[in-house]
Amino acid sequence: MRTFLFLFVVLFFLTPAKNAFFDEKCDELKGACKKHCEKNEELTSFCQKSLKCCRTIQTCGNTID
């Protein structure tokens, strides 16, 4: 019974491991994890906890003189 109580206490107080794979992927794409993307941003991938990796859309640079 003491073993069960000990394991319960140890497992209860351990913090869950963070899966940073999706955040690292977003950083490599030069994006930011947000709840919603803005009008000038595109959804490139997903982050953890239902967040979206948003990246600012680059303009083409063609200007009319």
PDB file of N, CA and C in Angstrom:
ATOM      1  N   MET A   1       0.825  -1.194   0.000  1.00  0.00           N
ATOM      2  CA  MET A   1       0.000   0.000   0.000  1.00  0.00           C
ATOM      3  C   MET A   1       0.871   1.262   0.000  1.00  0.00           C
ATOM      4  N   ARG A   2       2.003   1.203   0.720  1.00  0.00           N
ATOM      5  CA  ARG A   2       2.899   2.355   0.734  1.00  0.00           C
ATOM      6  C   ARG A   2       3.519   2.587  -0.642  1.00  0.00           C
ATOM      7  N   THR A   3       3.793   1.504  -1.335  1.00  0.00           N
ATOM      8  CA  THR A   3       4.369   1.636  -2.681  1.00  0.00           C
ATOM      9  C   THR A   3       3.386   2.327  -3.613  1.00  0.00           C
ATOM     10  N   PHE A   4       2.137   1.942  -3.540  1.00  0.00           N
ATOM     11  CA  PHE A   4       1.109   2.561  -4.372  1.00  0.00           C
ATOM     12  C   PHE A   4       0.977   4.042  -4.041  1.00  0.00           C
ATOM     13  N   LEU A   5       0.946   4.386  -2.773  1.00  0.00           N
ATOM     14  CA  LEU A   5       0.838   5.782  -2.350  1.00  0.00           C
ATOM     15  C   LEU A   5       2.053   6.582  -2.807  1.00  0.00           C
ATOM     16  N   PHE A   6       3.236   5.997  -2.687  1.00  0.00           N
ATOM     17  CA  PHE A   6       4.457   6.665  -3.132  1.00  0.00           C
ATOM     18  C   PHE A   6       4.419   6.925  -4.637  1.00  0.00           C
ATOM     19  N   LEU A   7       4.060   5.916  -5.414  1.00  0.00           N
ATOM     20  CA  LEU A   7       3.999   6.093  -6.870  1.00  0.00           C
ATOM     21  C   LEU A   7       2.947   7.118  -7.262  1.00  0.00           C
ATOM     22  N   PHE A   8       1.821   7.104  -6.572  1.00  0.00           N
ATOM     23  CA  PHE A   8       0.769   8.073  -6.867  1.00  0.00           C
ATOM     24  C   PHE A   8       1.261   9.498  -6.624  1.00  0.00           C
ATOM     25  N   VAL A   9       1.930   9.719  -5.501  1.00  0.00           N
ATOM     26  CA  VAL A   9       2.433  11.054  -5.179  1.00  0.00           C
ATOM     27  C   VAL A   9       3.497  11.483  -6.182  1.00  0.00           C
ATOM     28  N   VAL A  10       4.398  10.591  -6.519  1.00  0.00           N
ATOM     29  CA  VAL A  10       5.463  10.934  -7.471  1.00  0.00           C
ATOM     30  C   VAL A  10       4.885  11.251  -8.841  1.00  0.00           C
ATOM     31  N   LEU A  11       3.992  10.430  -9.339  1.00  0.00           N
ATOM     32  CA  LEU A  11       3.425  10.655 -10.667  1.00  0.00           C
ATOM     33  C   LEU A  11       2.469  11.843 -10.694  1.00  0.00           C
ATOM     34  N   PHE A  12       1.825  12.123  -9.595  1.00  0.00           N
ATOM     35  CA  PHE A  12       0.894  13.237  -9.547  1.00  0.00           C
ATOM     36  C   PHE A  12       1.622  14.573  -9.627  1.00  0.00           C
ATOM     37  N   PHE A  13       2.795  14.664  -9.011  1.00  0.00           N
ATOM     38  CA  PHE A  13       3.519  15.927  -8.969  1.00  0.00           C
ATOM     39  C   PHE A  13       4.522  16.109 -10.104  1.00  0.00           C
ATOM     40  N   LEU A  14       4.693  15.133 -10.942  1.00  0.00           N
ATOM     41  CA  LEU A  14       5.579  15.303 -12.089  1.00  0.00           C
ATOM     42  C   LEU A  14       4.902  16.188 -13.124  1.00  0.00           C
ATOM     43  N   THR A  15       5.647  17.075 -13.723  1.00  0.00           N
ATOM     44  CA  THR A  15       5.088  17.918 -14.771  1.00  0.00           C
ATOM     45  C   THR A  15       5.132  17.157 -16.090  1.00  0.00           C
ATOM     46  N   PRO A  16       4.135  17.335 -16.920  1.00  0.00           N
ATOM     47  CA  PRO A  16       4.151  16.634 -18.208  1.00  0.00           C
ATOM     48  C   PRO A  16       5.267  17.173 -19.104  1.00  0.00           C
ATOM     49  N   ALA A  17       5.811  16.310 -19.899  1.00  0.00           N
ATOM     50  CA  ALA A  17       6.879  16.709 -20.816  1.00  0.00           C
ATOM     51  C   ALA A  17       6.310  17.579 -21.923  1.00  0.00           C
ATOM     52  N   LYS A  18       7.050  18.591 -22.310  1.00  0.00           N
ATOM     53  CA  LYS A  18       6.607  19.505 -23.358  1.00  0.00           C
ATOM     54  C   LYS A  18       7.092  18.980 -24.701  1.00  0.00           C
ATOM     55  N   ASN A  19       6.178  18.871 -25.626  1.00  0.00           N
ATOM     56  CA  ASN A  19       6.531  18.444 -26.965  1.00  0.00           C
ATOM     57  C   ASN A  19       6.865  19.689 -27.776  1.00  0.00           C
ATOM     58  N   ALA A  20       8.117  20.035 -27.844  1.00  0.00           N
ATOM     59  CA  ALA A  20       8.548  21.260 -28.502  1.00  0.00           C
ATOM     60  C   ALA A  20       8.827  21.057 -29.990  1.00  0.00           C
ATOM     61  N   PHE A  21       8.511  19.889 -30.517  1.00  0.00           N
ATOM     62  CA  PHE A  21       8.786  19.622 -31.924  1.00  0.00           C
ATOM     63  C   PHE A  21       8.047  20.604 -32.822  1.00  0.00           C
ATOM     64  N   PHE A  22       6.770  20.836 -32.526  1.00  0.00           N
ATOM     65  CA  PHE A  22       5.968  21.710 -33.380  1.00  0.00           C
ATOM     66  C   PHE A  22       6.404  23.167 -33.255  1.00  0.00           C
ATOM     67  N   ASP A  23       6.798  23.596 -32.049  1.00  0.00           N
ATOM     68  CA  ASP A  23       7.270  24.960 -31.875  1.00  0.00           C
ATOM     69  C   ASP A  23       8.591  25.174 -32.603  1.00  0.00           C
ATOM     70  N   GLU A  24       9.473  24.180 -32.569  1.00  0.00           N
ATOM     71  CA  GLU A  24      10.746  24.290 -33.290  1.00  0.00           C
ATOM     72  C   GLU A  24      10.507  24.353 -34.793  1.00  0.00           C
ATOM     73  N   LYS A  25       9.538  23.594 -35.271  1.00  0.00           N
ATOM     74  CA  LYS A  25       9.215  23.621 -36.699  1.00  0.00           C
ATOM     75  C   LYS A  25       8.716  24.999 -37.099  1.00  0.00           C
ATOM     76  N   CYS A  26       7.910  25.607 -36.237  1.00  0.00           N
ATOM     77  CA  CYS A  26       7.398  26.948 -36.513  1.00  0.00           C
ATOM     78  C   CYS A  26       8.533  27.970 -36.503  1.00  0.00           C
ATOM     79  N   ASP A  27       9.470  27.824 -35.593  1.00  0.00           N
ATOM     80  CA  ASP A  27      10.618  28.730 -35.548  1.00  0.00           C
ATOM     81  C   ASP A  27      11.473  28.602 -36.804  1.00  0.00           C
ATOM     82  N   GLU A  28      11.634  27.375 -37.309  1.00  0.00           N
ATOM     83  CA  GLU A  28      12.410  27.176 -38.540  1.00  0.00           C
ATOM     84  C   GLU A  28      11.730  27.839 -39.734  1.00  0.00           C
ATOM     85  N   LEU A  29      10.400  27.880 -39.718  1.00  0.00           N
ATOM     86  CA  LEU A  29       9.654  28.525 -40.801  1.00  0.00           C
ATOM     87  C   LEU A  29       9.540  30.033 -40.606  1.00  0.00           C
ATOM     88  N   LYS A  30      10.162  30.554 -39.551  1.00  0.00           N
ATOM     89  CA  LYS A  30      10.134  31.979 -39.199  1.00  0.00           C
ATOM     90  C   LYS A  30       8.708  32.459 -38.976  1.00  0.00           C
ATOM     91  N   GLY A  31       7.954  31.656 -38.236  1.00  0.00           N
ATOM     92  CA  GLY A  31       6.586  32.006 -37.899  1.00  0.00           C
ATOM     93  C   GLY A  31       6.422  32.197 -36.407  1.00  0.00           C
ATOM     94  N   ALA A  32       5.163  32.433 -36.013  1.00  0.00           N
ATOM     95  CA  ALA A  32       4.837  32.613 -34.594  1.00  0.00           C
ATOM     96  C   ALA A  32       3.593  31.801 -34.276  1.00  0.00           C
ATOM     97  N   CYS A  33       3.575  31.156 -33.123  1.00  0.00           N
ATOM     98  CA  CYS A  33       2.425  30.360 -32.694  1.00  0.00           C
ATOM     99  C   CYS A  33       1.363  31.288 -32.123  1.00  0.00           C
ATOM    100  N   LYS A  34       0.189  31.291 -32.730  1.00  0.00           N
ATOM    101  CA  LYS A  34      -0.902  32.169 -32.313  1.00  0.00           C
ATOM    102  C   LYS A  34      -2.214  31.404 -32.356  1.00  0.00           C
ATOM    103  N   LYS A  35      -3.231  31.997 -31.720  1.00  0.00           N
ATOM    104  CA  LYS A  35      -4.558  31.400 -31.739  1.00  0.00           C
ATOM    105  C   LYS A  35      -5.214  31.610 -33.105  1.00  0.00           C
ATOM    106  N   HIS A  36      -5.047  32.801 -33.668  1.00  0.00           N
ATOM    107  CA  HIS A  36      -5.618  33.132 -34.971  1.00  0.00           C
ATOM    108  C   HIS A  36      -4.588  33.891 -35.795  1.00  0.00           C
ATOM    109  N   CYS A  37      -4.578  33.652 -37.101  1.00  0.00           N
ATOM    110  CA  CYS A  37      -3.681  34.384 -37.991  1.00  0.00           C
ATOM    111  C   CYS A  37      -4.331  35.705 -38.406  1.00  0.00           C
ATOM    112  N   GLU A  38      -3.506  36.732 -38.579  1.00  0.00           N
ATOM    113  CA  GLU A  38      -3.987  38.039 -39.021  1.00  0.00           C
ATOM    114  C   GLU A  38      -4.244  38.010 -40.532  1.00  0.00           C
ATOM    115  N   LYS A  39      -4.771  39.106 -41.062  1.00  0.00           N
ATOM    116  CA  LYS A  39      -5.096  39.176 -42.491  1.00  0.00           C
ATOM    117  C   LYS A  39      -3.850  39.101 -43.369  1.00  0.00           C
ATOM    118  N   ASN A  40      -2.739  39.639 -42.890  1.00  0.00           N
ATOM    119  CA  ASN A  40      -1.510  39.645 -43.688  1.00  0.00           C
ATOM    120  C   ASN A  40      -0.606  38.459 -43.373  1.00  0.00           C
ATOM    121  N   GLU A  41      -1.164  37.397 -42.767  1.00  0.00           N
ATOM    122  CA  GLU A  41      -0.395  36.213 -42.416  1.00  0.00           C
ATOM    123  C   GLU A  41      -1.027  34.967 -43.021  1.00  0.00           C
ATOM    124  N   GLU A  42      -0.195  33.968 -43.228  1.00  0.00           N
ATOM    125  CA  GLU A  42      -0.684  32.692 -43.752  1.00  0.00           C
ATOM    126  C   GLU A  42      -0.406  31.584 -42.745  1.00  0.00           C
ATOM    127  N   LEU A  43      -1.252  30.583 -42.752  1.00  0.00           N
ATOM    128  CA  LEU A  43      -1.080  29.425 -41.885  1.00  0.00           C
ATOM    129  C   LEU A  43      -0.092  28.483 -42.548  1.00  0.00           C
ATOM    130  N   THR A  44       1.031  28.223 -41.865  1.00  0.00           N
ATOM    131  CA  THR A  44       2.057  27.366 -42.461  1.00  0.00           C
ATOM    132  C   THR A  44       2.095  25.984 -41.830  1.00  0.00           C
ATOM    133  N   SER A  45       1.812  25.888 -40.536  1.00  0.00           N
ATOM    134  CA  SER A  45       1.785  24.591 -39.847  1.00  0.00           C
ATOM    135  C   SER A  45       1.024  24.765 -38.543  1.00  0.00           C
ATOM    136  N   PHE A  46       1.043  23.746 -37.709  1.00  0.00           N
ATOM    137  CA  PHE A  46       0.346  23.800 -36.434  1.00  0.00           C
ATOM    138  C   PHE A  46       1.337  23.689 -35.292  1.00  0.00           C
ATOM    139  N   CYS A  47       1.033  24.368 -34.198  1.00  0.00           N
ATOM    140  CA  CYS A  47       1.814  24.285 -32.975  1.00  0.00           C
ATOM    141  C   CYS A  47       1.046  23.423 -31.986  1.00  0.00           C
ATOM    142  N   GLN A  48       1.585  23.292 -30.794  1.00  0.00           N
ATOM    143  CA  GLN A  48       0.890  22.505 -29.786  1.00  0.00           C
ATOM    144  C   GLN A  48      -0.246  23.315 -29.172  1.00  0.00           C
ATOM    145  N   LYS A  49      -1.148  22.626 -28.488  1.00  0.00           N
ATOM    146  CA  LYS A  49      -2.294  23.216 -27.793  1.00  0.00           C
ATOM    147  C   LYS A  49      -3.211  23.988 -28.732  1.00  0.00           C
ATOM    148  N   SER A  50      -3.485  23.450 -29.894  1.00  0.00           N
ATOM    149  CA  SER A  50      -4.422  24.020 -30.866  1.00  0.00           C
ATOM    150  C   SER A  50      -4.028  25.408 -31.356  1.00  0.00           C
ATOM    151  N   LEU A  51      -2.741  25.712 -31.348  1.00  0.00           N
ATOM    152  CA  LEU A  51      -2.279  26.988 -31.877  1.00  0.00           C
ATOM    153  C   LEU A  51      -1.835  26.804 -33.320  1.00  0.00           C
ATOM    154  N   LYS A  52      -1.844  27.899 -34.056  1.00  0.00           N
ATOM    155  CA  LYS A  52      -1.456  27.869 -35.457  1.00  0.00           C
ATOM    156  C   LYS A  52      -0.149  28.611 -35.643  1.00  0.00           C
ATOM    157  N   CYS A  53       0.670  28.108 -36.535  1.00  0.00           N
ATOM    158  CA  CYS A  53       1.927  28.777 -36.860  1.00  0.00           C
ATOM    159  C   CYS A  53       1.642  29.754 -37.989  1.00  0.00           C
ATOM    160  N   CYS A  54       1.683  31.033 -37.684  1.00  0.00           N
ATOM    161  CA  CYS A  54       1.370  32.078 -38.663  1.00  0.00           C
ATOM    162  C   CYS A  54       2.654  32.753 -39.126  1.00  0.00           C
ATOM    163  N   ARG A  55       2.728  32.987 -40.401  1.00  0.00           N
ATOM    164  CA  ARG A  55       3.904  33.618 -40.999  1.00  0.00           C
ATOM    165  C   ARG A  55       3.445  34.789 -41.844  1.00  0.00           C
ATOM    166  N   THR A  56       4.123  35.918 -41.722  1.00  0.00           N
ATOM    167  CA  THR A  56       3.750  37.117 -42.470  1.00  0.00           C
ATOM    168  C   THR A  56       3.973  36.891 -43.959  1.00  0.00           C
ATOM    169  N   ILE A  57       2.988  37.279 -44.746  1.00  0.00           N
ATOM    170  CA  ILE A  57       3.071  37.111 -46.198  1.00  0.00           C
ATOM    171  C   ILE A  57       4.004  38.182 -46.758  1.00  0.00           C
ATOM    172  N   GLN A  58       4.951  37.758 -47.579  1.00  0.00           N
ATOM    173  CA  GLN A  58       5.890  38.670 -48.222  1.00  0.00           C
ATOM    174  C   GLN A  58       5.241  39.254 -49.481  1.00  0.00           C
ATOM    175  N   THR A  59       5.362  40.547 -49.656  1.00  0.00           N
ATOM    176  CA  THR A  59       4.867  41.149 -50.894  1.00  0.00           C
ATOM    177  C   THR A  59       5.855  40.855 -52.011  1.00  0.00           C
ATOM    178  N   CYS A  60       5.380  40.863 -53.216  1.00  0.00           N
ATOM    179  CA  CYS A  60       6.235  40.477 -54.341  1.00  0.00           C
ATOM    180  C   CYS A  60       7.280  41.535 -54.674  1.00  0.00           C
ATOM    181  N   GLY A  61       7.077  42.765 -54.251  1.00  0.00           N
ATOM    182  CA  GLY A  61       8.076  43.797 -54.486  1.00  0.00           C
ATOM    183  C   GLY A  61       7.906  44.528 -55.794  1.00  0.00           C
ATOM    184  N   ASN A  62       6.954  44.134 -56.624  1.00  0.00           N
ATOM    185  CA  ASN A  62       6.702  44.837 -57.871  1.00  0.00           C
ATOM    186  C   ASN A  62       5.888  46.093 -57.579  1.00  0.00           C
ATOM    187  N   THR A  63       6.426  47.244 -57.923  1.00  0.00           N
ATOM    188  CA  THR A  63       5.725  48.501 -57.702  1.00  0.00           C
ATOM    189  C   THR A  63       5.454  49.158 -59.045  1.00  0.00           C
ATOM    190  N   ILE A  64       4.340  49.852 -59.116  1.00  0.00           N
ATOM    191  CA  ILE A  64       3.970  50.559 -60.350  1.00  0.00           C
ATOM    192  C   ILE A  64       4.369  52.013 -60.173  1.00  0.00           C
ATOM    193  N   ASP A  65       5.194  52.534 -61.081  1.00  0.00           N
ATOM    194  CA  ASP A  65       5.657  53.930 -60.993  1.00  0.00           C
ATOM    195  C   ASP A  65       4.775  54.841 -61.777  1.00  0.00           C
TER     196      ASP A  65
END
